[in-house]
């Protein structure tokens, strides 16, 4: 079955998304720590500490879930087609240079 979407572009975007999540990890951890710290303030009412503890747990688990979701998406992509596109892009890069390789490949593929 023919793949009509740009597998390589999606793979690159997922890689970038994973990188952005890695960059956000320290900020998310800081938020989680602040939620825990706030929940431990003396005499804070239970309805606040419960929500703060829940927020802390959500921040910890969601970050992991987001990375796992990206891994599942990567694994579900047609790997053979991805490998072919990567090889083709390398071939175009050797002729046109890295910056123009994708444009040249897409222009040529569009002419077919």
PDB file of N, CA and C in Angstrom:
ATOM      1  N   UNK A   1       0.843  -1.182   0.000  1.00  0.00           N
ATOM      2  CA  UNK A   1       0.000   0.000   0.000  1.00  0.00           C
ATOM      3  C   UNK A   1       0.890   1.249   0.000  1.00  0.00           C
ATOM      4  N   UNK A   2       0.554   2.199  -0.826  1.00  0.00           N
ATOM      5  CA  UNK A   2       1.341   3.429  -0.948  1.00  0.00           C
ATOM      6  C   UNK A   2       1.118   4.337   0.266  1.00  0.00           C
ATOM      7  N   UNK A   3       2.205   4.931   0.705  1.00  0.00           N
ATOM      8  CA  UNK A   3       2.134   5.892   1.804  1.00  0.00           C
ATOM      9  C   UNK A   3       2.059   7.272   1.170  1.00  0.00           C
ATOM     10  N   UNK A   4       0.997   8.013   1.466  1.00  0.00           N
ATOM     11  CA  UNK A   4       0.774   9.301   0.826  1.00  0.00           C
ATOM     12  C   UNK A   4       1.190  10.484   1.690  1.00  0.00           C
ATOM     13  N   UNK A   5       1.684  10.217   2.859  1.00  0.00           N
ATOM     14  CA  UNK A   5       2.103  11.301   3.750  1.00  0.00           C
ATOM     15  C   UNK A   5       3.606  11.238   3.918  1.00  0.00           C
ATOM     16  N   UNK A   6       4.181  12.350   4.307  1.00  0.00           N
ATOM     17  CA  UNK A   6       5.630  12.477   4.431  1.00  0.00           C
ATOM     18  C   UNK A   6       6.092  11.867   5.754  1.00  0.00           C
ATOM     19  N   UNK A   7       6.454  10.595   5.711  1.00  0.00           N
ATOM     20  CA  UNK A   7       6.857   9.853   6.901  1.00  0.00           C
ATOM     21  C   UNK A   7       8.084  10.499   7.544  1.00  0.00           C
ATOM     22  N   UNK A   8       9.017  10.912   6.735  1.00  0.00           N
ATOM     23  CA  UNK A   8      10.243  11.521   7.245  1.00  0.00           C
ATOM     24  C   UNK A   8       9.949  12.829   7.980  1.00  0.00           C
ATOM     25  N   UNK A   9       9.064  13.629   7.407  1.00  0.00           N
ATOM     26  CA  UNK A   9       8.713  14.899   8.049  1.00  0.00           C
ATOM     27  C   UNK A   9       8.026  14.665   9.394  1.00  0.00           C
ATOM     28  N   UNK A  10       7.143  13.684   9.446  1.00  0.00           N
ATOM     29  CA  UNK A  10       6.466  13.349  10.700  1.00  0.00           C
ATOM     30  C   UNK A  10       7.488  12.842  11.719  1.00  0.00           C
ATOM     31  N   UNK A  11       8.402  11.968  11.289  1.00  0.00           N
ATOM     32  CA  UNK A  11       9.438  11.439  12.191  1.00  0.00           C
ATOM     33  C   UNK A  11      10.302  12.564  12.749  1.00  0.00           C
ATOM     34  N   UNK A  12      10.679  13.502  11.890  1.00  0.00           N
ATOM     35  CA  UNK A  12      11.483  14.638  12.337  1.00  0.00           C
ATOM     36  C   UNK A  12      10.698  15.516  13.308  1.00  0.00           C
ATOM     37  N   UNK A  13       9.432  15.725  13.041  1.00  0.00           N
ATOM     38  CA  UNK A  13       8.592  16.531  13.936  1.00  0.00           C
ATOM     39  C   UNK A  13       8.425  15.866  15.297  1.00  0.00           C
ATOM     40  N   UNK A  14       8.254  14.546  15.306  1.00  0.00           N
ATOM     41  CA  UNK A  14       8.142  13.826  16.576  1.00  0.00           C
ATOM     42  C   UNK A  14       9.441  13.910  17.374  1.00  0.00           C
ATOM     43  N   UNK A  15      10.559  13.832  16.671  1.00  0.00           N
ATOM     44  CA  UNK A  15      11.859  13.961  17.334  1.00  0.00           C
ATOM     45  C   UNK A  15      11.996  15.350  17.960  1.00  0.00           C
ATOM     46  N   UNK A  16      11.579  16.361  17.228  1.00  0.00           N
ATOM     47  CA  UNK A  16      11.618  17.738  17.743  1.00  0.00           C
ATOM     48  C   UNK A  16      10.683  17.907  18.934  1.00  0.00           C
ATOM     49  N   UNK A  17       9.516  17.320  18.853  1.00  0.00           N
ATOM     50  CA  UNK A  17       8.555  17.381  19.959  1.00  0.00           C
ATOM     51  C   UNK A  17       9.138  16.735  21.212  1.00  0.00           C
ATOM     52  N   UNK A  18       9.796  15.601  21.032  1.00  0.00           N
ATOM     53  CA  UNK A  18      10.444  14.918  22.153  1.00  0.00           C
ATOM     54  C   UNK A  18      11.536  15.805  22.762  1.00  0.00           C
ATOM     55  N   UNK A  19      12.301  16.468  21.906  1.00  0.00           N
ATOM     56  CA  UNK A  19      13.364  17.370  22.370  1.00  0.00           C
ATOM     57  C   UNK A  19      12.779  18.542  23.156  1.00  0.00           C
ATOM     58  N   UNK A  20      11.682  19.107  22.673  1.00  0.00           N
ATOM     59  CA  UNK A  20      11.028  20.230  23.356  1.00  0.00           C
ATOM     60  C   UNK A  20      10.524  19.785  24.730  1.00  0.00           C
ATOM     61  N   UNK A  21       9.951  18.589  24.790  1.00  0.00           N
ATOM     62  CA  UNK A  21       9.500  18.064  26.084  1.00  0.00           C
ATOM     63  C   UNK A  21      10.675  17.879  27.046  1.00  0.00           C
ATOM     64  N   UNK A  22      11.812  17.445  26.507  1.00  0.00           N
ATOM     65  CA  UNK A  22      13.009  17.324  27.346  1.00  0.00           C
ATOM     66  C   UNK A  22      13.445  18.683  27.886  1.00  0.00           C
ATOM     67  N   UNK A  23      13.356  19.697  27.043  1.00  0.00           N
ATOM     68  CA  UNK A  23      13.711  21.052  27.480  1.00  0.00           C
ATOM     69  C   UNK A  23      12.742  21.560  28.540  1.00  0.00           C
ATOM     70  N   UNK A  24      11.484  21.175  28.424  1.00  0.00           N
ATOM     71  CA  UNK A  24      10.465  21.629  29.374  1.00  0.00           C
ATOM     72  C   UNK A  24      10.528  20.877  30.697  1.00  0.00           C
ATOM     73  N   UNK A  25      11.199  19.734  30.726  1.00  0.00           N
ATOM     74  CA  UNK A  25      11.239  18.889  31.924  1.00  0.00           C
ATOM     75  C   UNK A  25      11.693  19.632  33.181  1.00  0.00           C
ATOM     76  N   UNK A  26      12.757  20.450  33.117  1.00  0.00           N
ATOM     77  CA  UNK A  26      13.156  21.161  34.340  1.00  0.00           C
ATOM     78  C   UNK A  26      12.076  22.127  34.849  1.00  0.00           C
ATOM     79  N   UNK A  27      11.387  22.775  33.954  1.00  0.00           N
ATOM     80  CA  UNK A  27      10.320  23.705  34.354  1.00  0.00           C
ATOM     81  C   UNK A  27       9.156  22.930  34.968  1.00  0.00           C
ATOM     82  N   UNK A  28       8.794  21.818  34.358  1.00  0.00           N
ATOM     83  CA  UNK A  28       7.720  20.993  34.895  1.00  0.00           C
ATOM     84  C   UNK A  28       8.095  20.435  36.269  1.00  0.00           C
ATOM     85  N   UNK A  29       9.355  20.054  36.438  1.00  0.00           N
ATOM     86  CA  UNK A  29       9.819  19.559  37.738  1.00  0.00           C
ATOM     87  C   UNK A  29       9.791  20.674  38.777  1.00  0.00           C
ATOM     88  N   UNK A  30      10.142  21.867  38.369  1.00  0.00           N
ATOM     89  CA  UNK A  30      10.087  23.015  39.279  1.00  0.00           C
ATOM     90  C   UNK A  30       8.639  23.273  39.718  1.00  0.00           C
ATOM     91  N   UNK A  31       7.707  23.176  38.785  1.00  0.00           N
ATOM     92  CA  UNK A  31       6.282  23.333  39.110  1.00  0.00           C
ATOM     93  C   UNK A  31       5.827  22.247  40.084  1.00  0.00           C
ATOM     94  N   UNK A  32       6.246  21.008  39.815  1.00  0.00           N
ATOM     95  CA  UNK A  32       5.883  19.901  40.692  1.00  0.00           C
ATOM     96  C   UNK A  32       6.421  20.126  42.104  1.00  0.00           C
ATOM     97  N   UNK A  33       7.678  20.538  42.191  1.00  0.00           N
ATOM     98  CA  UNK A  33       8.293  20.798  43.503  1.00  0.00           C
ATOM     99  C   UNK A  33       7.571  21.915  44.248  1.00  0.00           C
ATOM    100  N   UNK A  34       7.197  22.945  43.504  1.00  0.00           N
ATOM    101  CA  UNK A  34       6.491  24.071  44.129  1.00  0.00           C
ATOM    102  C   UNK A  34       5.117  23.631  44.627  1.00  0.00           C
ATOM    103  N   UNK A  35       4.445  22.778  43.888  1.00  0.00           N
ATOM    104  CA  UNK A  35       3.145  22.263  44.326  1.00  0.00           C
ATOM    105  C   UNK A  35       3.299  21.461  45.615  1.00  0.00           C
ATOM    106  N   UNK A  36       4.334  20.626  45.678  1.00  0.00           N
ATOM    107  CA  UNK A  36       4.591  19.835  46.893  1.00  0.00           C
ATOM    108  C   UNK A  36       4.907  20.764  48.059  1.00  0.00           C
ATOM    109  N   UNK A  37       5.771  21.722  47.816  1.00  0.00           N
ATOM    110  CA  UNK A  37       6.146  22.683  48.864  1.00  0.00           C
ATOM    111  C   UNK A  37       4.929  23.442  49.378  1.00  0.00           C
ATOM    112  N   UNK A  38       4.070  23.875  48.479  1.00  0.00           N
ATOM    113  CA  UNK A  38       2.876  24.634  48.854  1.00  0.00           C
ATOM    114  C   UNK A  38       1.912  23.758  49.655  1.00  0.00           C
ATOM    115  N   UNK A  39       1.807  22.495  49.263  1.00  0.00           N
ATOM    116  CA  UNK A  39       0.912  21.567  49.979  1.00  0.00           C
ATOM    117  C   UNK A  39       1.382  21.320  51.410  1.00  0.00           C
ATOM    118  N   UNK A  40       2.654  21.535  51.657  1.00  0.00           N
ATOM    119  CA  UNK A  40       3.217  21.270  52.990  1.00  0.00           C
ATOM    120  C   UNK A  40       3.207  22.498  53.904  1.00  0.00           C
ATOM    121  N   UNK A  41       2.640  23.586  53.459  1.00  0.00           N
ATOM    122  CA  UNK A  41       2.545  24.777  54.303  1.00  0.00           C
ATOM    123  C   UNK A  41       1.649  24.456  55.496  1.00  0.00           C
ATOM    124  N   UNK A  42       2.124  24.815  56.658  1.00  0.00           N
ATOM    125  CA  UNK A  42       1.386  24.530  57.901  1.00  0.00           C
ATOM    126  C   UNK A  42      -0.041  25.065  57.851  1.00  0.00           C
ATOM    127  N   UNK A  43      -0.936  24.233  58.247  1.00  0.00           N
ATOM    128  CA  UNK A  43      -2.355  24.564  58.409  1.00  0.00           C
ATOM    129  C   UNK A  43      -3.068  24.881  57.094  1.00  0.00           C
ATOM    130  N   UNK A  44      -2.451  24.471  55.954  1.00  0.00           N
ATOM    131  CA  UNK A  44      -3.143  24.654  54.670  1.00  0.00           C
ATOM    132  C   UNK A  44      -4.366  23.745  54.671  1.00  0.00           C
ATOM    133  N   UNK A  45      -5.494  24.238  54.200  1.00  0.00           N
ATOM    134  CA  UNK A  45      -6.709  23.421  54.224  1.00  0.00           C
ATOM    135  C   UNK A  45      -6.589  22.203  53.300  1.00  0.00           C
ATOM    136  N   UNK A  46      -7.258  21.144  53.713  1.00  0.00           N
ATOM    137  CA  UNK A  46      -7.210  19.890  52.984  1.00  0.00           C
ATOM    138  C   UNK A  46      -7.649  19.982  51.537  1.00  0.00           C
ATOM    139  N   UNK A  47      -8.661  20.819  51.286  1.00  0.00           N
ATOM    140  CA  UNK A  47      -9.141  20.918  49.903  1.00  0.00           C
ATOM    141  C   UNK A  47      -8.073  21.509  48.988  1.00  0.00           C
ATOM    142  N   UNK A  48      -7.166  22.318  49.526  1.00  0.00           N
ATOM    143  CA  UNK A  48      -6.060  22.845  48.726  1.00  0.00           C
ATOM    144  C   UNK A  48      -4.924  21.832  48.616  1.00  0.00           C
ATOM    145  N   UNK A  49      -4.570  21.211  49.738  1.00  0.00           N
ATOM    146  CA  UNK A  49      -3.453  20.267  49.699  1.00  0.00           C
ATOM    147  C   UNK A  49      -3.768  19.057  48.822  1.00  0.00           C
ATOM    148  N   UNK A  50      -5.034  18.630  48.803  1.00  0.00           N
ATOM    149  CA  UNK A  50      -5.418  17.522  47.937  1.00  0.00           C
ATOM    150  C   UNK A  50      -5.208  17.882  46.468  1.00  0.00           C
ATOM    151  N   UNK A  51      -5.631  19.081  46.105  1.00  0.00           N
ATOM    152  CA  UNK A  51      -5.475  19.511  44.706  1.00  0.00           C
ATOM    153  C   UNK A  51      -4.006  19.717  44.345  1.00  0.00           C
ATOM    154  N   UNK A  52      -3.238  20.255  45.290  1.00  0.00           N
ATOM    155  CA  UNK A  52      -1.812  20.453  45.042  1.00  0.00           C
ATOM    156  C   UNK A  52      -1.090  19.116  44.898  1.00  0.00           C
ATOM    157  N   UNK A  53      -1.439  18.156  45.727  1.00  0.00           N
ATOM    158  CA  UNK A  53      -0.838  16.819  45.607  1.00  0.00           C
ATOM    159  C   UNK A  53      -1.226  16.160  44.294  1.00  0.00           C
ATOM    160  N   UNK A  54      -2.467  16.348  43.891  1.00  0.00           N
ATOM    161  CA  UNK A  54      -2.932  15.809  42.618  1.00  0.00           C
ATOM    162  C   UNK A  54      -2.176  16.469  41.453  1.00  0.00           C
ATOM    163  N   UNK A  55      -2.003  17.778  41.541  1.00  0.00           N
ATOM    164  CA  UNK A  55      -1.253  18.506  40.514  1.00  0.00           C
ATOM    165  C   UNK A  55       0.174  17.979  40.429  1.00  0.00           C
ATOM    166  N   UNK A  56       0.788  17.775  41.569  1.00  0.00           N
ATOM    167  CA  UNK A  56       2.154  17.250  41.608  1.00  0.00           C
ATOM    168  C   UNK A  56       2.245  15.885  40.929  1.00  0.00           C
ATOM    169  N   UNK A  57       1.311  15.005  41.230  1.00  0.00           N
ATOM    170  CA  UNK A  57       1.300  13.670  40.624  1.00  0.00           C
ATOM    171  C   UNK A  57       1.043  13.745  39.120  1.00  0.00           C
ATOM    172  N   UNK A  58       0.129  14.627  38.730  1.00  0.00           N
ATOM    173  CA  UNK A  58      -0.162  14.793  37.300  1.00  0.00           C
ATOM    174  C   UNK A  58       1.065  15.263  36.534  1.00  0.00           C
ATOM    175  N   UNK A  59       1.769  16.232  37.079  1.00  0.00           N
ATOM    176  CA  UNK A  59       2.959  16.760  36.406  1.00  0.00           C
ATOM    177  C   UNK A  59       4.002  15.658  36.222  1.00  0.00           C
ATOM    178  N   UNK A  60       4.166  14.830  37.226  1.00  0.00           N
ATOM    179  CA  UNK A  60       5.150  13.748  37.141  1.00  0.00           C
ATOM    180  C   UNK A  60       4.735  12.683  36.123  1.00  0.00           C
ATOM    181  N   UNK A  61       3.476  12.270  36.167  1.00  0.00           N
ATOM    182  CA  UNK A  61       3.038  11.166  35.306  1.00  0.00           C
ATOM    183  C   UNK A  61       2.799  11.592  33.864  1.00  0.00           C
ATOM    184  N   UNK A  62       2.329  12.796  33.655  1.00  0.00           N
ATOM    185  CA  UNK A  62       2.014  13.214  32.281  1.00  0.00           C
ATOM    186  C   UNK A  62       3.262  13.363  31.428  1.00  0.00           C
ATOM    187  N   UNK A  63       4.319  13.890  32.012  1.00  0.00           N
ATOM    188  CA  UNK A  63       5.561  14.028  31.259  1.00  0.00           C
ATOM    189  C   UNK A  63       6.020  12.673  30.747  1.00  0.00           C
ATOM    190  N   UNK A  64       5.974  11.683  31.608  1.00  0.00           N
ATOM    191  CA  UNK A  64       6.350  10.324  31.207  1.00  0.00           C
ATOM    192  C   UNK A  64       5.389   9.795  30.140  1.00  0.00           C
ATOM    193  N   UNK A  65       4.106  10.035  30.319  1.00  0.00           N
ATOM    194  CA  UNK A  65       3.101   9.567  29.359  1.00  0.00           C
ATOM    195  C   UNK A  65       3.289  10.220  27.990  1.00  0.00           C
ATOM    196  N   UNK A  66       3.642  11.493  27.980  1.00  0.00           N
ATOM    197  CA  UNK A  66       3.871  12.184  26.702  1.00  0.00           C
ATOM    198  C   UNK A  66       5.027  11.548  25.945  1.00  0.00           C
ATOM    199  N   UNK A  67       6.124  11.274  26.640  1.00  0.00           N
ATOM    200  CA  UNK A  67       7.269  10.626  25.990  1.00  0.00           C
ATOM    201  C   UNK A  67       6.890   9.231  25.492  1.00  0.00           C
ATOM    202  N   UNK A  68       6.145   8.484  26.291  1.00  0.00           N
ATOM    203  CA  UNK A  68       5.720   7.153  25.873  1.00  0.00           C
ATOM    204  C   UNK A  68       4.821   7.225  24.649  1.00  0.00           C
ATOM    205  N   UNK A  69       3.950   8.217  24.609  1.00  0.00           N
ATOM    206  CA  UNK A  69       3.055   8.393  23.464  1.00  0.00           C
ATOM    207  C   UNK A  69       3.850   8.658  22.185  1.00  0.00           C
ATOM    208  N   UNK A  70       4.867   9.476  22.294  1.00  0.00           N
ATOM    209  CA  UNK A  70       5.717   9.761  21.133  1.00  0.00           C
ATOM    210  C   UNK A  70       6.424   8.485  20.682  1.00  0.00           C
ATOM    211  N   UNK A  71       6.910   7.680  21.633  1.00  0.00           N
ATOM    212  CA  UNK A  71       7.575   6.426  21.287  1.00  0.00           C
ATOM    213  C   UNK A  71       6.620   5.473  20.572  1.00  0.00           C
ATOM    214  N   UNK A  72       5.373   5.416  21.025  1.00  0.00           N
ATOM    215  CA  UNK A  72       4.373   4.557  20.386  1.00  0.00           C
ATOM    216  C   UNK A  72       4.112   5.041  18.955  1.00  0.00           C
ATOM    217  N   UNK A  73       3.997   6.362  18.782  1.00  0.00           N
ATOM    218  CA  UNK A  73       3.783   6.904  17.436  1.00  0.00           C
ATOM    219  C   UNK A  73       4.952   6.567  16.527  1.00  0.00           C
ATOM    220  N   UNK A  74       6.169   6.726  17.025  1.00  0.00           N
ATOM    221  CA  UNK A  74       7.353   6.395  16.226  1.00  0.00           C
ATOM    222  C   UNK A  74       7.346   4.921  15.830  1.00  0.00           C
ATOM    223  N   UNK A  75       7.030   4.067  16.780  1.00  0.00           N
ATOM    224  CA  UNK A  75       7.034   2.630  16.508  1.00  0.00           C
ATOM    225  C   UNK A  75       5.953   2.227  15.510  1.00  0.00           C
ATOM    226  N   UNK A  76       4.876   2.985  15.438  1.00  0.00           N
ATOM    227  CA  UNK A  76       3.768   2.627  14.550  1.00  0.00           C
ATOM    228  C   UNK A  76       3.965   3.135  13.119  1.00  0.00           C
ATOM    229  N   UNK A  77       5.009   3.914  12.908  1.00  0.00           N
ATOM    230  CA  UNK A  77       5.243   4.441  11.564  1.00  0.00           C
ATOM    231  C   UNK A  77       5.815   3.353  10.655  1.00  0.00           C
ATOM    232  N   UNK A  78       5.554   3.448   9.353  1.00  0.00           N
ATOM    233  CA  UNK A  78       6.093   2.447   8.419  1.00  0.00           C
ATOM    234  C   UNK A  78       7.619   2.600   8.301  1.00  0.00           C
ATOM    235  N   UNK A  79       8.367   1.764   9.031  1.00  0.00           N
ATOM    236  CA  UNK A  79       9.815   1.895   9.143  1.00  0.00           C
ATOM    237  C   UNK A  79      10.536   1.711   7.809  1.00  0.00           C
ATOM    238  N   UNK A  80      10.045   0.824   6.983  1.00  0.00           N
ATOM    239  CA  UNK A  80      10.673   0.600   5.678  1.00  0.00           C
ATOM    240  C   UNK A  80      10.590   1.856   4.828  1.00  0.00           C
ATOM    241  N   UNK A  81       9.421   2.459   4.823  1.00  0.00           N
ATOM    242  CA  UNK A  81       9.236   3.683   4.044  1.00  0.00           C
ATOM    243  C   UNK A  81      10.093   4.817   4.621  1.00  0.00           C
ATOM    244  N   UNK A  82      10.161   4.903   5.929  1.00  0.00           N
ATOM    245  CA  UNK A  82      10.978   5.921   6.584  1.00  0.00           C
ATOM    246  C   UNK A  82      12.443   5.759   6.196  1.00  0.00           C
ATOM    247  N   UNK A  83      12.935   4.540   6.230  1.00  0.00           N
ATOM    248  CA  UNK A  83      14.333   4.285   5.869  1.00  0.00           C
ATOM    249  C   UNK A  83      14.611   4.682   4.421  1.00  0.00           C
ATOM    250  N   UNK A  84      13.656   4.379   3.533  1.00  0.00           N
ATOM    251  CA  UNK A  84      13.821   4.758   2.122  1.00  0.00           C
ATOM    252  C   UNK A  84      13.867   6.281   1.970  1.00  0.00           C
ATOM    253  N   UNK A  85      12.971   6.980   2.685  1.00  0.00           N
ATOM    254  CA  UNK A  85      12.967   8.443   2.593  1.00  0.00           C
ATOM    255  C   UNK A  85      14.250   9.033   3.169  1.00  0.00           C
ATOM    256  N   UNK A  86      14.739   8.481   4.279  1.00  0.00           N
ATOM    257  CA  UNK A  86      15.989   8.971   4.857  1.00  0.00           C
ATOM    258  C   UNK A  86      17.149   8.786   3.888  1.00  0.00           C
ATOM    259  N   UNK A  87      17.208   7.621   3.241  1.00  0.00           N
ATOM    260  CA  UNK A  87      18.270   7.354   2.277  1.00  0.00           C
ATOM    261  C   UNK A  87      18.165   8.312   1.088  1.00  0.00           C
ATOM    262  N   UNK A  88      16.945   8.517   0.602  1.00  0.00           N
ATOM    263  CA  UNK A  88      16.733   9.419  -0.520  1.00  0.00           C
ATOM    264  C   UNK A  88      17.145  10.843  -0.150  1.00  0.00           C
ATOM    265  N   UNK A  89      16.817  11.261   1.073  1.00  0.00           N
ATOM    266  CA  UNK A  89      17.192  12.607   1.523  1.00  0.00           C
ATOM    267  C   UNK A  89      18.709  12.739   1.595  1.00  0.00           C
ATOM    268  N   UNK A  90      19.400  11.699   2.059  1.00  0.00           N
ATOM    269  CA  UNK A  90      20.865  11.722   2.095  1.00  0.00           C
ATOM    270  C   UNK A  90      21.431  11.875   0.685  1.00  0.00           C
ATOM    271  N   UNK A  91      20.830  11.189  -0.277  1.00  0.00           N
ATOM    272  CA  UNK A  91      21.295  11.279  -1.663  1.00  0.00           C
ATOM    273  C   UNK A  91      21.103  12.701  -2.200  1.00  0.00           C
ATOM    274  N   UNK A  92      19.954  13.293  -1.913  1.00  0.00           N
ATOM    275  CA  UNK A  92      19.701  14.662  -2.346  1.00  0.00           C
ATOM    276  C   UNK A  92      20.651  15.629  -1.639  1.00  0.00           C
ATOM    277  N   UNK A  93      20.938  15.379  -0.377  1.00  0.00           N
ATOM    278  CA  UNK A  93      21.831  16.250   0.387  1.00  0.00           C
ATOM    279  C   UNK A  93      23.234  16.221  -0.202  1.00  0.00           C
ATOM    280  N   UNK A  94      23.666  15.068  -0.705  1.00  0.00           N
ATOM    281  CA  UNK A  94      25.009  14.984  -1.299  1.00  0.00           C
ATOM    282  C   UNK A  94      25.102  15.787  -2.590  1.00  0.00           C
ATOM    283  N   UNK A  95      23.978  15.993  -3.244  1.00  0.00           N
ATOM    284  CA  UNK A  95      23.963  16.758  -4.494  1.00  0.00           C
ATOM    285  C   UNK A  95      23.642  18.239  -4.247  1.00  0.00           C
ATOM    286  N   UNK A  96      22.609  18.503  -3.460  1.00  0.00           N
ATOM    287  CA  UNK A  96      22.110  19.864  -3.284  1.00  0.00           C
ATOM    288  C   UNK A  96      22.564  20.535  -1.988  1.00  0.00           C
ATOM    289  N   UNK A  97      23.166  19.787  -1.097  1.00  0.00           N
ATOM    290  CA  UNK A  97      23.516  20.324   0.215  1.00  0.00           C
ATOM    291  C   UNK A  97      22.372  20.113   1.186  1.00  0.00           C
ATOM    292  N   UNK A  98      22.702  20.130   2.464  1.00  0.00           N
ATOM    293  CA  UNK A  98      21.707  19.836   3.497  1.00  0.00           C
ATOM    294  C   UNK A  98      20.514  20.784   3.477  1.00  0.00           C
ATOM    295  N   UNK A  99      20.775  22.067   3.275  1.00  0.00           N
ATOM    296  CA  UNK A  99      19.703  23.061   3.342  1.00  0.00           C
ATOM    297  C   UNK A  99      18.667  22.908   2.238  1.00  0.00           C
ATOM    298  N   UNK A 100      19.088  22.522   1.065  1.00  0.00           N
ATOM    299  CA  UNK A 100      18.173  22.479  -0.080  1.00  0.00           C
ATOM    300  C   UNK A 100      17.714  21.066  -0.432  1.00  0.00           C
ATOM    301  N   UNK A 101      18.206  20.084   0.284  1.00  0.00           N
ATOM    302  CA  UNK A 101      17.909  18.687  -0.062  1.00  0.00           C
ATOM    303  C   UNK A 101      16.421  18.383   0.011  1.00  0.00           C
ATOM    304  N   UNK A 102      15.765  18.782   1.100  1.00  0.00           N
ATOM    305  CA  UNK A 102      14.339  18.481   1.258  1.00  0.00           C
ATOM    306  C   UNK A 102      13.521  19.166   0.167  1.00  0.00           C
ATOM    307  N   UNK A 103      13.834  20.428  -0.130  1.00  0.00           N
ATOM    308  CA  UNK A 103      13.107  21.144  -1.178  1.00  0.00           C
ATOM    309  C   UNK A 103      13.259  20.440  -2.524  1.00  0.00           C
ATOM    310  N   UNK A 104      14.472  20.042  -2.829  1.00  0.00           N
ATOM    311  CA  UNK A 104      14.726  19.365  -4.099  1.00  0.00           C
ATOM    312  C   UNK A 104      14.002  18.026  -4.157  1.00  0.00           C
ATOM    313  N   UNK A 105      14.046  17.288  -3.058  1.00  0.00           N
ATOM    314  CA  UNK A 105      13.384  15.983  -3.022  1.00  0.00           C
ATOM    315  C   UNK A 105      11.880  16.138  -3.198  1.00  0.00           C
ATOM    316  N   UNK A 106      11.297  17.093  -2.474  1.00  0.00           N
ATOM    317  CA  UNK A 106       9.850  17.299  -2.574  1.00  0.00           C
ATOM    318  C   UNK A 106       9.458  17.791  -3.961  1.00  0.00           C
ATOM    319  N   UNK A 107      10.281  18.649  -4.568  1.00  0.00           N
ATOM    320  CA  UNK A 107       9.982  19.142  -5.913  1.00  0.00           C
ATOM    321  C   UNK A 107      10.023  17.990  -6.907  1.00  0.00           C
ATOM    322  N   UNK A 108      11.041  17.139  -6.799  1.00  0.00           N
ATOM    323  CA  UNK A 108      11.173  16.008  -7.712  1.00  0.00           C
ATOM    324  C   UNK A 108      10.048  15.004  -7.498  1.00  0.00           C
ATOM    325  N   UNK A 109       9.726  14.713  -6.235  1.00  0.00           N
ATOM    326  CA  UNK A 109       8.665  13.763  -5.924  1.00  0.00           C
ATOM    327  C   UNK A 109       7.319  14.296  -6.445  1.00  0.00           C
ATOM    328  N   UNK A 110       7.127  15.617  -6.408  1.00  0.00           N
ATOM    329  CA  UNK A 110       5.878  16.213  -6.865  1.00  0.00           C
ATOM    330  C   UNK A 110       5.699  16.107  -8.363  1.00  0.00           C
ATOM    331  N   UNK A 111       6.816  15.996  -9.107  1.00  0.00           N
ATOM    332  CA  UNK A 111       6.739  15.905 -10.556  1.00  0.00           C
ATOM    333  C   UNK A 111       6.299  14.536 -11.027  1.00  0.00           C
ATOM    334  N   UNK A 112       6.419  13.539 -10.168  1.00  0.00           N
ATOM    335  CA  UNK A 112       6.053  12.167 -10.556  1.00  0.00           C
ATOM    336  C   UNK A 112       4.578  12.027 -10.771  1.00  0.00           C
TER     337      UNK A 112
END
